[in-house]
Amino acid sequence: QVQLVESGGGLVQAGGSLRLSCAASGLTFSSFNMGWFRQAPGKEREFVAAISWSGSTYYADSVKGRFTISRDNAKNTVYLQMNSLKPEDTAVYYCAAVQSRFRWPIIRPEDYGYWGQGTQVTVSS
C-alpha cells in the first residue's frame, strides 16, 4: 500500500532553517504530484507548497521566497527546504500525494488522496 513518511522536523530558533523529507513507497512516484501542508493547533490544515509530476512548483504566499520544494524521483522523495523560519511557521507538517496530469496547481487538502503522519516543526522566538 501507499506510504508517505515525513522526517526532519524539530525545534529551531527564528531565522533558522530546516529541511523536511517525505519518503514515498507503494506508488509510481514520478507520476504523482506532491504537496506539503501544515496544521497549527486550533487551525485548519493549510497548503504550503506543491510540486507537479513534471517539476512545476507552487507556493503559498506566506512561504514564497523562504521555502523551496523539490523532488528526487530516483529516491522517491520530496523535500521542503525551509529558510528564515518564523514562529508562525510552527505546525505539524504533512506531505501528500495525488495523481493528476491535467490539474495544476492542486492546493486543496481534499484533493489529495494519500497523506503522511506528519512531523512537528517548532520555531522559537
PDB file of N, CA and C in Angstrom:
ATOM      1  N   GLN A   1       0.836  -1.185   0.000  1.00  0.00           N
ATOM      2  CA  GLN A   1       0.000   0.000   0.000  1.00  0.00           C
ATOM      3  C   GLN A   1       0.877   1.242   0.000  1.00  0.00           C
ATOM      4  N   VAL A   2       0.250   2.369  -0.288  1.00  0.00           N
ATOM      5  CA  VAL A   2       0.986   3.625  -0.345  1.00  0.00           C
ATOM      6  C   VAL A   2       1.374   4.075   1.059  1.00  0.00           C
ATOM      7  N   GLN A   3       2.635   4.456   1.206  1.00  0.00           N
ATOM      8  CA  GLN A   3       3.114   5.012   2.465  1.00  0.00           C
ATOM      9  C   GLN A   3       3.905   6.275   2.184  1.00  0.00           C
ATOM     10  N   LEU A   4       3.642   7.298   2.980  1.00  0.00           N
ATOM     11  CA  LEU A   4       4.407   8.542   2.953  1.00  0.00           C
ATOM     12  C   LEU A   4       4.943   8.767   4.353  1.00  0.00           C
ATOM     13  N   VAL A   5       6.253   8.915   4.470  1.00  0.00           N
ATOM     14  CA  VAL A   5       6.870   9.044   5.778  1.00  0.00           C
ATOM     15  C   VAL A   5       7.705  10.322   5.814  1.00  0.00           C
ATOM     16  N   GLU A   6       7.257  11.268   6.644  1.00  0.00           N
ATOM     17  CA  GLU A   6       7.974  12.541   6.794  1.00  0.00           C
ATOM     18  C   GLU A   6       9.066  12.420   7.851  1.00  0.00           C
ATOM     19  N   SER A   7      10.089  13.237   7.690  1.00  0.00           N
ATOM     20  CA  SER A   7      11.152  13.339   8.678  1.00  0.00           C
ATOM     21  C   SER A   7      11.792  14.712   8.554  1.00  0.00           C
ATOM     22  N   GLY A   8      12.593  15.059   9.563  1.00  0.00           N
ATOM     23  CA  GLY A   8      13.341  16.306   9.504  1.00  0.00           C
ATOM     24  C   GLY A   8      12.796  17.438  10.342  1.00  0.00           C
ATOM     25  N   GLY A   9      11.662  17.219  10.986  1.00  0.00           N
ATOM     26  CA  GLY A   9      11.133  18.264  11.845  1.00  0.00           C
ATOM     27  C   GLY A   9      11.959  18.433  13.102  1.00  0.00           C
ATOM     28  N   GLY A  10      11.637  19.476  13.859  1.00  0.00           N
ATOM     29  CA  GLY A  10      12.357  19.708  15.101  1.00  0.00           C
ATOM     30  C   GLY A  10      12.139  21.104  15.617  1.00  0.00           C
ATOM     31  N   LEU A  11      12.971  21.482  16.572  1.00  0.00           N
ATOM     32  CA  LEU A  11      12.914  22.797  17.210  1.00  0.00           C
ATOM     33  C   LEU A  11      14.042  23.655  16.651  1.00  0.00           C
ATOM     34  N   VAL A  12      13.696  24.853  16.217  1.00  0.00           N
ATOM     35  CA  VAL A  12      14.697  25.756  15.651  1.00  0.00           C
ATOM     36  C   VAL A  12      14.361  27.179  16.067  1.00  0.00           C
ATOM     37  N   GLN A  13      15.376  28.011  16.175  1.00  0.00           N
ATOM     38  CA  GLN A  13      15.151  29.414  16.514  1.00  0.00           C
ATOM     39  C   GLN A  13      14.677  30.185  15.285  1.00  0.00           C
ATOM     40  N   ALA A  14      13.974  31.262  15.529  1.00  0.00           N
ATOM     41  CA  ALA A  14      13.536  32.127  14.444  1.00  0.00           C
ATOM     42  C   ALA A  14      14.736  32.558  13.608  1.00  0.00           C
ATOM     43  N   GLY A  15      14.556  32.531  12.295  1.00  0.00           N
ATOM     44  CA  GLY A  15      15.638  32.855  11.381  1.00  0.00           C
ATOM     45  C   GLY A  15      16.426  31.642  10.923  1.00  0.00           C
ATOM     46  N   GLY A  16      16.213  30.520  11.570  1.00  0.00           N
ATOM     47  CA  GLY A  16      16.922  29.303  11.227  1.00  0.00           C
ATOM     48  C   GLY A  16      16.309  28.554  10.062  1.00  0.00           C
ATOM     49  N   SER A  17      16.863  27.369   9.804  1.00  0.00           N
ATOM     50  CA  SER A  17      16.440  26.561   8.655  1.00  0.00           C
ATOM     51  C   SER A  17      16.217  25.117   9.075  1.00  0.00           C
ATOM     52  N   LEU A  18      15.358  24.469   8.333  1.00  0.00           N
ATOM     53  CA  LEU A  18      15.130  23.031   8.454  1.00  0.00           C
ATOM     54  C   LEU A  18      14.840  22.490   7.061  1.00  0.00           C
ATOM     55  N   ARG A  19      15.168  21.214   6.855  1.00  0.00           N
ATOM     56  CA  ARG A  19      14.781  20.547   5.617  1.00  0.00           C
ATOM     57  C   ARG A  19      13.950  19.320   5.961  1.00  0.00           C
ATOM     58  N   LEU A  20      12.722  19.329   5.491  1.00  0.00           N
ATOM     59  CA  LEU A  20      11.848  18.186   5.668  1.00  0.00           C
ATOM     60  C   LEU A  20      11.983  17.244   4.475  1.00  0.00           C
ATOM     61  N   SER A  21      11.849  15.956   4.764  1.00  0.00           N
ATOM     62  CA  SER A  21      11.852  14.937   3.713  1.00  0.00           C
ATOM     63  C   SER A  21      10.583  14.116   3.818  1.00  0.00           C
ATOM     64  N   CYS A  22      10.138  13.602   2.696  1.00  0.00           N
ATOM     65  CA  CYS A  22       8.981  12.715   2.658  1.00  0.00           C
ATOM     66  C   CYS A  22       9.322  11.575   1.716  1.00  0.00           C
ATOM     67  N   ALA A  23       9.505  10.389   2.287  1.00  0.00           N
ATOM     68  CA  ALA A  23       9.829   9.203   1.500  1.00  0.00           C
ATOM     69  C   ALA A  23       8.551   8.460   1.154  1.00  0.00           C
ATOM     70  N   ALA A  24       8.381   8.195  -0.134  1.00  0.00           N
ATOM     71  CA  ALA A  24       7.165   7.548  -0.615  1.00  0.00           C
ATOM     72  C   ALA A  24       7.446   6.115  -1.050  1.00  0.00           C
ATOM     73  N   SER A  25       6.481   5.256  -0.831  1.00  0.00           N
ATOM     74  CA  SER A  25       6.574   3.883  -1.298  1.00  0.00           C
ATOM     75  C   SER A  25       5.184   3.389  -1.676  1.00  0.00           C
ATOM     76  N   GLY A  26       5.154   2.345  -2.507  1.00  0.00           N
ATOM     77  CA  GLY A  26       3.874   1.769  -2.895  1.00  0.00           C
ATOM     78  C   GLY A  26       3.155   2.510  -4.007  1.00  0.00           C
ATOM     79  N   LEU A  27       3.841   3.430  -4.659  1.00  0.00           N
ATOM     80  CA  LEU A  27       3.252   4.165  -5.761  1.00  0.00           C
ATOM     81  C   LEU A  27       4.317   4.471  -6.814  1.00  0.00           C
ATOM     82  N   THR A  28       3.859   4.802  -8.010  1.00  0.00           N
ATOM     83  CA  THR A  28       4.778   5.217  -9.073  1.00  0.00           C
ATOM     84  C   THR A  28       5.071   6.698  -8.854  1.00  0.00           C
ATOM     85  N   PHE A  29       6.070   6.947  -8.054  1.00  0.00           N
ATOM     86  CA  PHE A  29       6.316   8.289  -7.513  1.00  0.00           C
ATOM     87  C   PHE A  29       6.405   9.339  -8.612  1.00  0.00           C
ATOM     88  N   SER A  30       7.067   9.016  -9.705  1.00  0.00           N
ATOM     89  CA  SER A  30       7.318  10.010 -10.750  1.00  0.00           C
ATOM     90  C   SER A  30       6.046  10.493 -11.446  1.00  0.00           C
ATOM     91  N   SER A  31       4.940   9.799 -11.239  1.00  0.00           N
ATOM     92  CA  SER A  31       3.700  10.217 -11.876  1.00  0.00           C
ATOM     93  C   SER A  31       2.754  10.938 -10.921  1.00  0.00           C
ATOM     94  N   PHE A  32       3.203  11.177  -9.704  1.00  0.00           N
ATOM     95  CA  PHE A  32       2.369  11.827  -8.694  1.00  0.00           C
ATOM     96  C   PHE A  32       2.794  13.272  -8.460  1.00  0.00           C
ATOM     97  N   ASN A  33       1.789  14.112  -8.269  1.00  0.00           N
ATOM     98  CA  ASN A  33       2.018  15.449  -7.746  1.00  0.00           C
ATOM     99  C   ASN A  33       2.148  15.334  -6.225  1.00  0.00           C
ATOM    100  N   MET A  34       3.068  16.097  -5.671  1.00  0.00           N
ATOM    101  CA  MET A  34       3.317  16.043  -4.229  1.00  0.00           C
ATOM    102  C   MET A  34       3.080  17.413  -3.599  1.00  0.00           C
ATOM    103  N   GLY A  35       2.535  17.390  -2.400  1.00  0.00           N
ATOM    104  CA  GLY A  35       2.272  18.646  -1.720  1.00  0.00           C
ATOM    105  C   GLY A  35       2.721  18.594  -0.274  1.00  0.00           C
ATOM    106  N   TRP A  36       2.996  19.771   0.278  1.00  0.00           N
ATOM    107  CA  TRP A  36       3.250  19.937   1.709  1.00  0.00           C
ATOM    108  C   TRP A  36       2.133  20.822   2.275  1.00  0.00           C
ATOM    109  N   PHE A  37       1.611  20.393   3.400  1.00  0.00           N
ATOM    110  CA  PHE A  37       0.600  21.141   4.131  1.00  0.00           C
ATOM    111  C   PHE A  37       1.059  21.272   5.578  1.00  0.00           C
ATOM    112  N   ARG A  38       0.412  22.162   6.317  1.00  0.00           N
ATOM    113  CA  ARG A  38       0.723  22.278   7.730  1.00  0.00           C
ATOM    114  C   ARG A  38      -0.543  22.582   8.503  1.00  0.00           C
ATOM    115  N   GLN A  39      -0.501  22.211   9.780  1.00  0.00           N
ATOM    116  CA  GLN A  39      -1.650  22.453  10.648  1.00  0.00           C
ATOM    117  C   GLN A  39      -1.153  22.843  12.027  1.00  0.00           C
ATOM    118  N   ALA A  40      -1.512  24.052  12.424  1.00  0.00           N
ATOM    119  CA  ALA A  40      -1.190  24.546  13.748  1.00  0.00           C
ATOM    120  C   ALA A  40      -2.354  24.228  14.692  1.00  0.00           C
ATOM    121  N   PRO A  41      -2.097  24.182  16.006  1.00  0.00           N
ATOM    122  CA  PRO A  41      -3.166  23.862  16.958  1.00  0.00           C
ATOM    123  C   PRO A  41      -4.342  24.818  16.806  1.00  0.00           C
ATOM    124  N   GLY A  42      -5.535  24.252  16.718  1.00  0.00           N
ATOM    125  CA  GLY A  42      -6.738  25.060  16.622  1.00  0.00           C
ATOM    126  C   GLY A  42      -7.007  25.663  15.268  1.00  0.00           C
ATOM    127  N   LYS A  43      -6.177  25.326  14.292  1.00  0.00           N
ATOM    128  CA  LYS A  43      -6.349  25.879  12.938  1.00  0.00           C
ATOM    129  C   LYS A  43      -6.576  24.767  11.929  1.00  0.00           C
ATOM    130  N   GLU A  44      -7.110  25.154  10.788  1.00  0.00           N
ATOM    131  CA  GLU A  44      -7.319  24.193   9.718  1.00  0.00           C
ATOM    132  C   GLU A  44      -6.002  23.882   9.013  1.00  0.00           C
ATOM    133  N   ARG A  45      -5.983  22.736   8.371  1.00  0.00           N
ATOM    134  CA  ARG A  45      -4.810  22.376   7.583  1.00  0.00           C
ATOM    135  C   ARG A  45      -4.695  23.326   6.397  1.00  0.00           C
ATOM    136  N   GLU A  46      -3.495  23.840   6.181  1.00  0.00           N
ATOM    137  CA  GLU A  46      -3.313  24.810   5.106  1.00  0.00           C
ATOM    138  C   GLU A  46      -2.217  24.380   4.144  1.00  0.00           C
ATOM    139  N   PHE A  47      -2.390  24.784   2.915  1.00  0.00           N
ATOM    140  CA  PHE A  47      -1.431  24.494   1.854  1.00  0.00           C
ATOM    141  C   PHE A  47      -0.148  25.270   2.073  1.00  0.00           C
ATOM    142  N   VAL A  48       0.988  24.608   1.802  1.00  0.00           N
ATOM    143  CA  VAL A  48       2.292  25.254   1.908  1.00  0.00           C
ATOM    144  C   VAL A  48       2.972  25.330   0.538  1.00  0.00           C
ATOM    145  N   ALA A  49       3.139  24.164  -0.101  1.00  0.00           N
ATOM    146  CA  ALA A  49       3.846  24.120  -1.378  1.00  0.00           C
ATOM    147  C   ALA A  49       3.484  22.838  -2.102  1.00  0.00           C
ATOM    148  N   ALA A  50       3.651  22.854  -3.419  1.00  0.00           N
ATOM    149  CA  ALA A  50       3.380  21.659  -4.219  1.00  0.00           C
ATOM    150  C   ALA A  50       4.349  21.590  -5.379  1.00  0.00           C
ATOM    151  N   ILE A  51       4.612  20.365  -5.811  1.00  0.00           N
ATOM    152  CA  ILE A  51       5.450  20.139  -6.976  1.00  0.00           C
ATOM    153  C   ILE A  51       4.757  19.108  -7.852  1.00  0.00           C
ATOM    154  N   SER A  52       4.669  19.410  -9.122  1.00  0.00           N
ATOM    155  CA  SER A  52       3.962  18.510 -10.032  1.00  0.00           C
ATOM    156  C   SER A  52       4.845  17.339 -10.435  1.00  0.00           C
ATOM    157  N   TRP A  53       4.231  16.384 -11.096  1.00  0.00           N
ATOM    158  CA  TRP A  53       4.965  15.219 -11.577  1.00  0.00           C
ATOM    159  C   TRP A  53       6.069  15.647 -12.550  1.00  0.00           C
ATOM    160  N   SER A  54       5.843  16.788 -13.235  1.00  0.00           N
ATOM    161  CA  SER A  54       6.815  17.270 -14.220  1.00  0.00           C
ATOM    162  C   SER A  54       7.791  18.289 -13.643  1.00  0.00           C
ATOM    163  N   GLY A  55       7.653  18.623 -12.352  1.00  0.00           N
ATOM    164  CA  GLY A  55       8.615  19.507 -11.710  1.00  0.00           C
ATOM    165  C   GLY A  55       8.178  20.942 -11.527  1.00  0.00           C
ATOM    166  N   SER A  56       6.972  21.294 -11.955  1.00  0.00           N
ATOM    167  CA  SER A  56       6.468  22.640 -11.695  1.00  0.00           C
ATOM    168  C   SER A  56       6.225  22.811 -10.203  1.00  0.00           C
ATOM    169  N   THR A  57       6.431  24.026  -9.713  1.00  0.00           N
ATOM    170  CA  THR A  57       6.254  24.284  -8.288  1.00  0.00           C
ATOM    171  C   THR A  57       5.253  25.419  -8.059  1.00  0.00           C
ATOM    172  N   TYR A  58       4.671  25.402  -6.872  1.00  0.00           N
ATOM    173  CA  TYR A  58       3.685  26.425  -6.494  1.00  0.00           C
ATOM    174  C   TYR A  58       3.740  26.584  -4.987  1.00  0.00           C
ATOM    175  N   TYR A  59       3.643  27.850  -4.515  1.00  0.00           N
ATOM    176  CA  TYR A  59       3.814  28.137  -3.091  1.00  0.00           C
ATOM    177  C   TYR A  59       2.673  29.004  -2.557  1.00  0.00           C
ATOM    178  N   ALA A  60       2.396  28.803  -1.291  1.00  0.00           N
ATOM    179  CA  ALA A  60       1.527  29.737  -0.594  1.00  0.00           C
ATOM    180  C   ALA A  60       2.261  31.063  -0.452  1.00  0.00           C
ATOM    181  N   ASP A  61       1.519  32.150  -0.478  1.00  0.00           N
ATOM    182  CA  ASP A  61       2.141  33.469  -0.372  1.00  0.00           C
ATOM    183  C   ASP A  61       2.957  33.621   0.912  1.00  0.00           C
ATOM    184  N   SER A  62       2.496  32.966   1.973  1.00  0.00           N
ATOM    185  CA  SER A  62       3.145  33.121   3.277  1.00  0.00           C
ATOM    186  C   SER A  62       4.547  32.524   3.322  1.00  0.00           C
ATOM    187  N   VAL A  63       4.876  31.644   2.384  1.00  0.00           N
ATOM    188  CA  VAL A  63       6.191  30.994   2.415  1.00  0.00           C
ATOM    189  C   VAL A  63       7.023  31.296   1.175  1.00  0.00           C
ATOM    190  N   LYS A  64       6.435  31.982   0.222  1.00  0.00           N
ATOM    191  CA  LYS A  64       7.133  32.265  -1.033  1.00  0.00           C
ATOM    192  C   LYS A  64       8.418  33.042  -0.748  1.00  0.00           C
ATOM    193  N   GLY A  65       9.510  32.590  -1.350  1.00  0.00           N
ATOM    194  CA  GLY A  65      10.804  33.233  -1.145  1.00  0.00           C
ATOM    195  C   GLY A  65      11.574  32.697   0.044  1.00  0.00           C
ATOM    196  N   ARG A  66      10.910  31.921   0.903  1.00  0.00           N
ATOM    197  CA  ARG A  66      11.586  31.356   2.077  1.00  0.00           C
ATOM    198  C   ARG A  66      11.675  29.824   1.995  1.00  0.00           C
ATOM    199  N   PHE A  67      10.654  29.200   1.426  1.00  0.00           N
ATOM    200  CA  PHE A  67      10.605  27.738   1.342  1.00  0.00           C
ATOM    201  C   PHE A  67      10.831  27.304  -0.104  1.00  0.00           C
ATOM    202  N   THR A  68      11.452  26.135  -0.263  1.00  0.00           N
ATOM    203  CA  THR A  68      11.665  25.557  -1.591  1.00  0.00           C
ATOM    204  C   THR A  68      11.278  24.089  -1.568  1.00  0.00           C
ATOM    205  N   ILE A  69      10.403  23.710  -2.475  1.00  0.00           N
ATOM    206  CA  ILE A  69      10.022  22.307  -2.612  1.00  0.00           C
ATOM    207  C   ILE A  69      10.799  21.708  -3.781  1.00  0.00           C
ATOM    208  N   SER A  70      11.225  20.456  -3.599  1.00  0.00           N
ATOM    209  CA  SER A  70      11.942  19.764  -4.669  1.00  0.00           C
ATOM    210  C   SER A  70      11.650  18.275  -4.561  1.00  0.00           C
ATOM    211  N   ARG A  71      12.017  17.545  -5.586  1.00  0.00           N
ATOM    212  CA  ARG A  71      11.784  16.099  -5.573  1.00  0.00           C
ATOM    213  C   ARG A  71      12.961  15.395  -6.210  1.00  0.00           C
ATOM    214  N   ASP A  72      13.178  14.160  -5.750  1.00  0.00           N
ATOM    215  CA  ASP A  72      14.195  13.284  -6.317  1.00  0.00           C
ATOM    216  C   ASP A  72      13.486  11.982  -6.678  1.00  0.00           C
ATOM    217  N   ASN A  73      13.167  11.837  -7.948  1.00  0.00           N
ATOM    218  CA  ASN A  73      12.403  10.667  -8.362  1.00  0.00           C
ATOM    219  C   ASN A  73      13.205   9.377  -8.209  1.00  0.00           C
ATOM    220  N   ALA A  74      14.525   9.458  -8.261  1.00  0.00           N
ATOM    221  CA  ALA A  74      15.343   8.257  -8.080  1.00  0.00           C
ATOM    222  C   ALA A  74      15.261   7.739  -6.643  1.00  0.00           C
ATOM    223  N   LYS A  75      14.969   8.655  -5.716  1.00  0.00           N
ATOM    224  CA  LYS A  75      14.873   8.274  -4.304  1.00  0.00           C
ATOM    225  C   LYS A  75      13.434   8.241  -3.803  1.00  0.00           C
ATOM    226  N   ASN A  76      12.479   8.496  -4.694  1.00  0.00           N
ATOM    227  CA  ASN A  76      11.053   8.532  -4.294  1.00  0.00           C
ATOM    228  C   ASN A  76      10.837   9.455  -3.103  1.00  0.00           C
ATOM    229  N   THR A  77      11.460  10.619  -3.150  1.00  0.00           N
ATOM    230  CA  THR A  77      11.442  11.538  -2.009  1.00  0.00           C
ATOM    231  C   THR A  77      11.151  12.962  -2.469  1.00  0.00           C
ATOM    232  N   VAL A  78      10.342  13.643  -1.671  1.00  0.00           N
ATOM    233  CA  VAL A  78      10.092  15.068  -1.865  1.00  0.00           C
ATOM    234  C   VAL A  78      10.624  15.809  -0.643  1.00  0.00           C
ATOM    235  N   TYR A  79      11.163  16.991  -0.891  1.00  0.00           N
ATOM    236  CA  TYR A  79      11.799  17.777   0.166  1.00  0.00           C
ATOM    237  C   TYR A  79      11.109  19.132   0.315  1.00  0.00           C
ATOM    238  N   LEU A  80      11.238  19.693   1.494  1.00  0.00           N
ATOM    239  CA  LEU A  80      10.819  21.068   1.735  1.00  0.00           C
ATOM    240  C   LEU A  80      11.938  21.752   2.503  1.00  0.00           C
ATOM    241  N   GLN A  81      12.683  22.594   1.812  1.00  0.00           N
ATOM    242  CA  GLN A  81      13.727  23.387   2.455  1.00  0.00           C
ATOM    243  C   GLN A  81      13.082  24.655   3.002  1.00  0.00           C
ATOM    244  N   MET A  82      13.217  24.853   4.299  1.00  0.00           N
ATOM    245  CA  MET A  82      12.579  25.985   4.957  1.00  0.00           C
ATOM    246  C   MET A  82      13.656  26.887   5.544  1.00  0.00           C
ATOM    247  N   ASN A  83      13.742  28.093   5.034  1.00  0.00           N
ATOM    248  CA  ASN A  83      14.709  29.085   5.497  1.00  0.00           C
ATOM    249  C   ASN A  83      13.988  30.269   6.131  1.00  0.00           C
ATOM    250  N   SER A  84      14.738  31.057   6.871  1.00  0.00           N
ATOM    251  CA  SER A  84      14.181  32.258   7.513  1.00  0.00           C
ATOM    252  C   SER A  84      12.890  31.933   8.259  1.00  0.00           C
ATOM    253  N   LEU A  85      12.936  30.897   9.050  1.00  0.00           N
ATOM    254  CA  LEU A  85      11.741  30.436   9.743  1.00  0.00           C
ATOM    255  C   LEU A  85      11.247  31.464  10.756  1.00  0.00           C
ATOM    256  N   LYS A  86       9.930  31.502  10.891  1.00  0.00           N
ATOM    257  CA  LYS A  86       9.270  32.429  11.802  1.00  0.00           C
ATOM    258  C   LYS A  86       8.447  31.625  12.808  1.00  0.00           C
ATOM    259  N   PRO A  87       8.169  32.214  13.981  1.00  0.00           N
ATOM    260  CA  PRO A  87       7.328  31.496  14.954  1.00  0.00           C
ATOM    261  C   PRO A  87       5.979  31.061  14.365  1.00  0.00           C
ATOM    262  N   GLU A  88       5.436  31.842  13.462  1.00  0.00           N
ATOM    263  CA  GLU A  88       4.151  31.484  12.864  1.00  0.00           C
ATOM    264  C   GLU A  88       4.235  30.306  11.896  1.00  0.00           C
ATOM    265  N   ASP A  89       5.444  29.818  11.621  1.00  0.00           N
ATOM    266  CA  ASP A  89       5.604  28.597  10.830  1.00  0.00           C
ATOM    267  C   ASP A  89       5.444  27.340  11.684  1.00  0.00           C
ATOM    268  N   THR A  90       5.333  27.513  12.992  1.00  0.00           N
ATOM    269  CA  THR A  90       5.172  26.378  13.896  1.00  0.00           C
ATOM    270  C   THR A  90       3.888  25.617  13.577  1.00  0.00           C
ATOM    271  N   ALA A  91       4.021  24.317  13.340  1.00  0.00           N
ATOM    272  CA  ALA A  91       2.883  23.487  12.967  1.00  0.00           C
ATOM    273  C   ALA A  91       3.361  22.050  12.781  1.00  0.00           C
ATOM    274  N   VAL A  92       2.406  21.152  12.626  1.00  0.00           N
ATOM    275  CA  VAL A  92       2.715  19.818  12.138  1.00  0.00           C
ATOM    276  C   VAL A  92       2.673  19.888  10.609  1.00  0.00           C
ATOM    277  N   TYR A  93       3.730  19.426   9.980  1.00  0.00           N
ATOM    278  CA  TYR A  93       3.844  19.454   8.525  1.00  0.00           C
ATOM    279  C   TYR A  93       3.574  18.065   7.956  1.00  0.00           C
ATOM    280  N   TYR A  94       2.724  18.049   6.937  1.00  0.00           N
ATOM    281  CA  TYR A  94       2.319  16.801   6.300  1.00  0.00           C
ATOM    282  C   TYR A  94       2.682  16.826   4.815  1.00  0.00           C
ATOM    283  N   CYS A  95       3.131  15.687   4.300  1.00  0.00           N
ATOM    284  CA  CYS A  95       3.231  15.588   2.853  1.00  0.00           C
ATOM    285  C   CYS A  95       2.043  14.780   2.341  1.00  0.00           C
ATOM    286  N   ALA A  96       1.706  15.011   1.089  1.00  0.00           N
ATOM    287  CA  ALA A  96       0.545  14.384   0.489  1.00  0.00           C
ATOM    288  C   ALA A  96       0.812  14.128  -0.993  1.00  0.00           C
ATOM    289  N   ALA A  97       0.076  13.180  -1.541  1.00  0.00           N
ATOM    290  CA  ALA A  97       0.278  12.797  -2.936  1.00  0.00           C
ATOM    291  C   ALA A  97      -1.055  12.669  -3.656  1.00  0.00           C
ATOM    292  N   VAL A  98      -1.049  13.082  -4.921  1.00  0.00           N
ATOM    293  CA  VAL A  98      -2.222  12.932  -5.772  1.00  0.00           C
ATOM    294  C   VAL A  98      -1.747  12.710  -7.197  1.00  0.00           C
ATOM    295  N   GLN A  99      -2.455  11.838  -7.900  1.00  0.00           N
ATOM    296  CA  GLN A  99      -2.077  11.535  -9.276  1.00  0.00           C
ATOM    297  C   GLN A  99      -3.014  12.286 -10.208  1.00  0.00           C
ATOM    298  N   SER A 100      -2.462  13.277 -10.910  1.00  0.00           N
ATOM    299  CA  SER A 100      -3.254  14.039 -11.868  1.00  0.00           C
ATOM    300  C   SER A 100      -2.319  14.703 -12.853  1.00  0.00           C
ATOM    301  N   ARG A 101      -2.546  14.506 -14.127  1.00  0.00           N
ATOM    302  CA  ARG A 101      -1.700  15.127 -15.149  1.00  0.00           C
ATOM    303  C   ARG A 101      -2.339  16.373 -15.748  1.00  0.00           C
ATOM    304  N   PHE A 102      -3.544  16.694 -15.325  1.00  0.00           N
ATOM    305  CA  PHE A 102      -4.253  17.772 -16.007  1.00  0.00           C
ATOM    306  C   PHE A 102      -4.598  18.949 -15.116  1.00  0.00           C
ATOM    307  N   ARG A 103      -4.548  18.792 -13.804  1.00  0.00           N
ATOM    308  CA  ARG A 103      -4.898  19.867 -12.900  1.00  0.00           C
ATOM    309  C   ARG A 103      -3.641  20.396 -12.241  1.00  0.00           C
ATOM    310  N   TRP A 104      -3.506  21.713 -12.257  1.00  0.00           N
ATOM    311  CA  TRP A 104      -2.363  22.355 -11.615  1.00  0.00           C
ATOM    312  C   TRP A 104      -2.631  23.830 -11.405  1.00  0.00           C
ATOM    313  N   PRO A 105      -2.308  24.403 -10.255  1.00  0.00           N
ATOM    314  CA  PRO A 105      -1.810  23.708  -9.066  1.00  0.00           C
ATOM    315  C   PRO A 105      -2.947  23.051  -8.286  1.00  0.00           C
ATOM    316  N   ILE A 106      -2.596  22.099  -7.475  1.00  0.00           N
ATOM    317  CA  ILE A 106      -3.564  21.411  -6.621  1.00  0.00           C
ATOM    318  C   ILE A 106      -3.255  21.797  -5.192  1.00  0.00           C
ATOM    319  N   ILE A 107      -4.135  22.604  -4.590  1.00  0.00           N
ATOM    320  CA  ILE A 107      -3.819  23.181  -3.282  1.00  0.00           C
ATOM    321  C   ILE A 107      -4.851  22.865  -2.212  1.00  0.00           C
ATOM    322  N   ARG A 108      -5.943  22.197  -2.560  1.00  0.00           N
ATOM    323  CA  ARG A 108      -6.947  21.865  -1.548  1.00  0.00           C
ATOM    324  C   ARG A 108      -6.602  20.525  -0.911  1.00  0.00           C
ATOM    325  N   PRO A 109      -6.600  20.445   0.417  1.00  0.00           N
ATOM    326  CA  PRO A 109      -6.276  19.162   1.067  1.00  0.00           C
ATOM    327  C   PRO A 109      -7.186  18.028   0.595  1.00  0.00           C
ATOM    328  N   GLU A 110      -8.438  18.324   0.357  1.00  0.00           N
ATOM    329  CA  GLU A 110      -9.376  17.260  -0.010  1.00  0.00           C
ATOM    330  C   GLU A 110      -9.097  16.672  -1.385  1.00  0.00           C
ATOM    331  N   ASP A 111      -8.259  17.299  -2.158  1.00  0.00           N
ATOM    332  CA  ASP A 111      -7.907  16.771  -3.475  1.00  0.00           C
ATOM    333  C   ASP A 111      -6.761  15.766  -3.434  1.00  0.00           C
ATOM    334  N   TYR A 112      -6.114  15.657  -2.285  1.00  0.00           N
ATOM    335  CA  TYR A 112      -5.003  14.711  -2.141  1.00  0.00           C
ATOM    336  C   TYR A 112      -5.487  13.405  -1.550  1.00  0.00           C
ATOM    337  N   GLY A 113      -5.053  12.292  -2.136  1.00  0.00           N
ATOM    338  CA  GLY A 113      -5.566  11.004  -1.708  1.00  0.00           C
ATOM    339  C   GLY A 113      -4.713  10.271  -0.696  1.00  0.00           C
ATOM    340  N   TYR A 114      -3.451  10.661  -0.606  1.00  0.00           N
ATOM    341  CA  TYR A 114      -2.533   9.961   0.290  1.00  0.00           C
ATOM    342  C   TYR A 114      -1.816  10.978   1.174  1.00  0.00           C
ATOM    343  N   TRP A 115      -1.648  10.603   2.454  1.00  0.00           N
ATOM    344  CA  TRP A 115      -1.064  11.502   3.443  1.00  0.00           C
ATOM    345  C   TRP A 115      -0.055  10.778   4.304  1.00  0.00           C
ATOM    346  N   GLY A 116       0.959  11.516   4.748  1.00  0.00           N
ATOM    347  CA  GLY A 116       1.868  11.012   5.754  1.00  0.00           C
ATOM    348  C   GLY A 116       1.331  11.290   7.141  1.00  0.00           C
ATOM    349  N   GLN A 117       2.117  10.892   8.137  1.00  0.00           N
ATOM    350  CA  GLN A 117       1.665  11.016   9.528  1.00  0.00           C
ATOM    351  C   GLN A 117       2.008  12.362  10.130  1.00  0.00           C
ATOM    352  N   GLY A 118       2.866  13.120   9.446  1.00  0.00           N
ATOM    353  CA  GLY A 118       3.216  14.457   9.908  1.00  0.00           C
ATOM    354  C   GLY A 118       4.497  14.497  10.718  1.00  0.00           C
ATOM    355  N   THR A 119       5.132  15.659  10.705  1.00  0.00           N
ATOM    356  CA  THR A 119       6.319  15.898  11.510  1.00  0.00           C
ATOM    357  C   THR A 119       6.218  17.293  12.111  1.00  0.00           C
ATOM    358  N   GLN A 120       6.554  17.402  13.395  1.00  0.00           N
ATOM    359  CA  GLN A 120       6.386  18.663  14.117  1.00  0.00           C
ATOM    360  C   GLN A 120       7.539  19.613  13.809  1.00  0.00           C
ATOM    361  N   VAL A 121       7.194  20.839  13.499  1.00  0.00           N
ATOM    362  CA  VAL A 121       8.167  21.924  13.365  1.00  0.00           C
ATOM    363  C   VAL A 121       7.807  23.000  14.376  1.00  0.00           C
ATOM    364  N   THR A 122       8.755  23.338  15.228  1.00  0.00           N
ATOM    365  CA  THR A 122       8.539  24.370  16.236  1.00  0.00           C
ATOM    366  C   THR A 122       9.616  25.432  16.079  1.00  0.00           C
ATOM    367  N   VAL A 123       9.182  26.669  15.921  1.00  0.00           N
ATOM    368  CA  VAL A 123      10.100  27.790  15.738  1.00  0.00           C
ATOM    369  C   VAL A 123       9.972  28.690  16.962  1.00  0.00           C
ATOM    370  N   SER A 124      11.050  28.835  17.686  1.00  0.00           N
ATOM    371  CA  SER A 124      11.027  29.665  18.899  1.00  0.00           C
ATOM    372  C   SER A 124      11.445  31.092  18.570  1.00  0.00           C
ATOM    373  N   SER A 125      10.900  32.019  19.319  1.00  0.00           N
ATOM    374  CA  SER A 125      11.211  33.438  19.061  1.00  0.00           C
ATOM    375  C   SER A 125      12.392  33.910  19.893  1.00  0.00           C
TER     376      SER A 125
END
